[in-house]
Amino acid sequence: MMNRIIHRVDFILLKLRKQTLDELAQYRSIEASTIKYGDNVPHV
């Protein structure tokens, strides 16, 4: 029983962490392209 609870928590934490990393990466790429090229260049 305890193992299942721990597994569930790990799963939630992993999901949260992945989501956070994805958002960070997205933000960083937008930020980087804005700094380099200005706002009107499409993202590669």
C-alpha atoms as a PDB file:
ATOM      1  CA  MET A   1       0.000   0.000   0.000  1.00  0.00           C
ATOM      2  CA  MET A   2       2.728   2.436   0.982  1.00  0.00           C
ATOM      3  CA  ASN A   3       4.619   1.689  -2.233  1.00  0.00           C
ATOM      4  CA  ARG A   4       1.627   2.644  -4.342  1.00  0.00           C
ATOM      5  CA  ILE A   5       1.320   5.995  -2.591  1.00  0.00           C
ATOM      6  CA  ILE A   6       5.014   6.708  -3.053  1.00  0.00           C
ATOM      7  CA  HIS A   7       4.812   5.690  -6.699  1.00  0.00           C
ATOM      8  CA  ARG A   8       1.871   8.038  -7.219  1.00  0.00           C
ATOM      9  CA  VAL A   9       3.715  10.956  -5.628  1.00  0.00           C
ATOM     10  CA  ASP A  10       6.789  10.272  -7.755  1.00  0.00           C
ATOM     11  CA  PHE A  11       4.633  10.216 -10.857  1.00  0.00           C
ATOM     12  CA  ILE A  12       3.008  13.551  -9.996  1.00  0.00           C
ATOM     13  CA  LEU A  13       6.375  15.125  -9.215  1.00  0.00           C
ATOM     14  CA  LEU A  14       7.811  13.878 -12.497  1.00  0.00           C
ATOM     15  CA  LYS A  15       4.874  15.286 -14.415  1.00  0.00           C
ATOM     16  CA  LEU A  16       5.183  18.636 -12.671  1.00  0.00           C
ATOM     17  CA  ARG A  17       8.913  18.739 -13.253  1.00  0.00           C
ATOM     18  CA  LYS A  18       8.577  17.904 -16.925  1.00  0.00           C
ATOM     19  CA  GLN A  19       5.880  20.549 -17.356  1.00  0.00           C
ATOM     20  CA  THR A  20       8.043  23.126 -15.623  1.00  0.00           C
ATOM     21  CA  LEU A  21      11.057  22.224 -17.762  1.00  0.00           C
ATOM     22  CA  ASP A  22       8.968  22.445 -20.926  1.00  0.00           C
ATOM     23  CA  GLU A  23       7.665  25.877 -19.959  1.00  0.00           C
ATOM     24  CA  LEU A  24      11.158  27.035 -19.073  1.00  0.00           C
ATOM     25  CA  ALA A  25      12.550  25.826 -22.380  1.00  0.00           C
ATOM     26  CA  GLN A  26       9.735  27.522 -24.255  1.00  0.00           C
ATOM     27  CA  TYR A  27      10.288  30.749 -22.370  1.00  0.00           C
ATOM     28  CA  ARG A  28      14.033  30.633 -22.889  1.00  0.00           C
ATOM     29  CA  SER A  29      13.728  30.071 -26.634  1.00  0.00           C
ATOM     30  CA  ILE A  30      11.231  32.915 -26.987  1.00  0.00           C
ATOM     31  CA  GLU A  31      13.451  35.147 -24.883  1.00  0.00           C
ATOM     32  CA  ALA A  32      16.563  34.208 -26.864  1.00  0.00           C
ATOM     33  CA  SER A  33      14.976  34.793 -30.270  1.00  0.00           C
ATOM     34  CA  THR A  34      13.510  38.097 -29.097  1.00  0.00           C
ATOM     35  CA  ILE A  35      16.895  39.293 -27.892  1.00  0.00           C
ATOM     36  CA  LYS A  36      18.706  38.145 -31.026  1.00  0.00           C
ATOM     37  CA  TYR A  37      16.324  39.020 -33.822  1.00  0.00           C
ATOM     38  CA  GLY A  38      13.505  41.175 -32.510  1.00  0.00           C
ATOM     39  CA  ASP A  39       9.864  40.205 -32.172  1.00  0.00           C
ATOM     40  CA  ASN A  40       8.830  39.667 -35.773  1.00  0.00           C
ATOM     41  CA  VAL A  41      10.989  36.645 -36.618  1.00  0.00           C
ATOM     42  CA  PRO A  42       9.196  33.278 -36.592  1.00  0.00           C
ATOM     43  CA  HIS A  43      10.565  30.694 -34.195  1.00  0.00           C
ATOM     44  CA  VAL A  44      12.569  27.889 -35.734  1.00  0.00           C
END
